[in-house]
Amino acid sequence: MNRHIASHSRATTLSNLNLIKDALELPVIIAACWLVSRQIEYVLLLAAGICVVTLAAFPIRQRDAETGQKRN
């Protein structure tokens, strides 16, 4: 993540990203709790929807995949 964000402080960058992640997780958790009270399959649909939206918003590029393979 530090390669994608131009920052001189690695700890601040990761801390801010963690704060944003936590703020985005809260509505998802509340929605999942509400959906499980209706029917448990709806939670699986919510998870699948989140996956599709994430892959559409942040596609895996060929250069990113190649970089990941070289490190392993």
Protein backbone atom coordinates (compact mmCIF):
# COMPACT_ATOMS: atom_id res chain seq x y z
CA MET A 1 0.00 0.00 0.00
CA ASN A 2 2.88 2.35 0.71
CA ARG A 3 3.97 2.16 -2.94
CA HIS A 4 0.58 3.50 -4.03
CA ILE A 5 0.37 6.42 -1.56
CA ALA A 6 2.99 9.14 -1.62
CA SER A 7 3.67 9.74 2.06
CA HIS A 8 6.81 10.22 4.12
CA SER A 9 5.31 8.58 7.19
CA ARG A 10 4.48 4.92 6.79
CA ALA A 11 2.81 4.66 10.21
CA THR A 12 0.50 7.61 9.54
CA THR A 13 -0.52 6.24 6.16
CA LEU A 14 -1.38 2.82 7.55
CA SER A 15 -3.14 4.33 10.56
CA ASN A 16 -5.31 6.54 8.36
CA LEU A 17 -6.16 3.65 6.06
CA ASN A 18 -7.12 1.53 9.06
CA LEU A 19 -9.38 4.31 10.35
CA ILE A 20 -11.11 4.59 6.96
CA LYS A 21 -11.51 0.79 6.82
CA ASP A 22 -13.07 0.74 10.28
CA ALA A 23 -15.49 3.54 9.37
CA LEU A 24 -16.58 1.65 6.25
CA GLU A 25 -16.95 -1.65 8.10
CA LEU A 26 -19.51 -0.37 10.60
CA PRO A 27 -22.39 0.07 8.10
CA VAL A 28 -21.57 -3.31 6.55
CA ILE A 29 -21.71 -5.01 9.95
CA ILE A 30 -25.00 -3.31 10.80
CA ALA A 31 -26.47 -4.32 7.42
CA ALA A 32 -25.29 -7.92 7.91
CA CYS A 33 -26.87 -8.06 11.37
CA TRP A 34 -30.15 -6.78 10.01
CA LEU A 35 -30.05 -9.18 7.05
CA VAL A 36 -29.32 -12.22 9.20
CA SER A 37 -32.44 -11.47 11.22
CA ARG A 38 -34.40 -11.75 7.95
CA GLN A 39 -32.73 -14.75 6.32
CA ILE A 40 -29.14 -15.98 6.46
CA GLU A 41 -28.82 -16.32 2.68
CA TYR A 42 -29.11 -12.55 2.36
CA VAL A 43 -25.80 -12.16 4.20
CA LEU A 44 -24.14 -14.34 1.57
CA LEU A 45 -25.65 -12.17 -1.14
CA LEU A 46 -24.31 -9.08 0.66
CA ALA A 47 -20.83 -10.62 0.76
CA ALA A 48 -20.99 -11.53 -2.92
CA GLY A 49 -22.16 -8.01 -3.76
CA ILE A 50 -19.28 -6.48 -1.82
CA CYS A 51 -16.84 -8.72 -3.71
CA VAL A 52 -18.26 -7.72 -7.09
CA VAL A 53 -18.20 -4.01 -6.24
CA THR A 54 -14.64 -4.26 -4.94
CA LEU A 55 -13.39 -6.07 -8.03
CA ALA A 56 -15.11 -3.52 -10.27
CA ALA A 57 -13.72 -0.55 -8.34
CA PHE A 58 -10.20 -1.94 -7.84
CA PRO A 59 -9.38 -4.27 -10.73
CA ILE A 60 -6.26 -6.41 -10.60
CA ARG A 61 -3.98 -5.10 -13.31
CA GLN A 62 -1.51 -7.25 -15.17
CA ARG A 63 1.48 -5.32 -13.82
CA ASP A 64 0.21 -5.74 -10.23
CA ALA A 65 -0.21 -9.48 -10.74
CA GLU A 66 3.31 -9.78 -12.20
CA THR A 67 4.80 -7.82 -9.31
CA GLY A 68 3.12 -10.11 -6.81
CA GLN A 69 4.41 -13.21 -8.55
CA LYS A 70 8.01 -12.01 -8.58
CA ARG A 71 8.04 -11.49 -4.81
CA ASN A 72 6.84 -15.01 -4.01
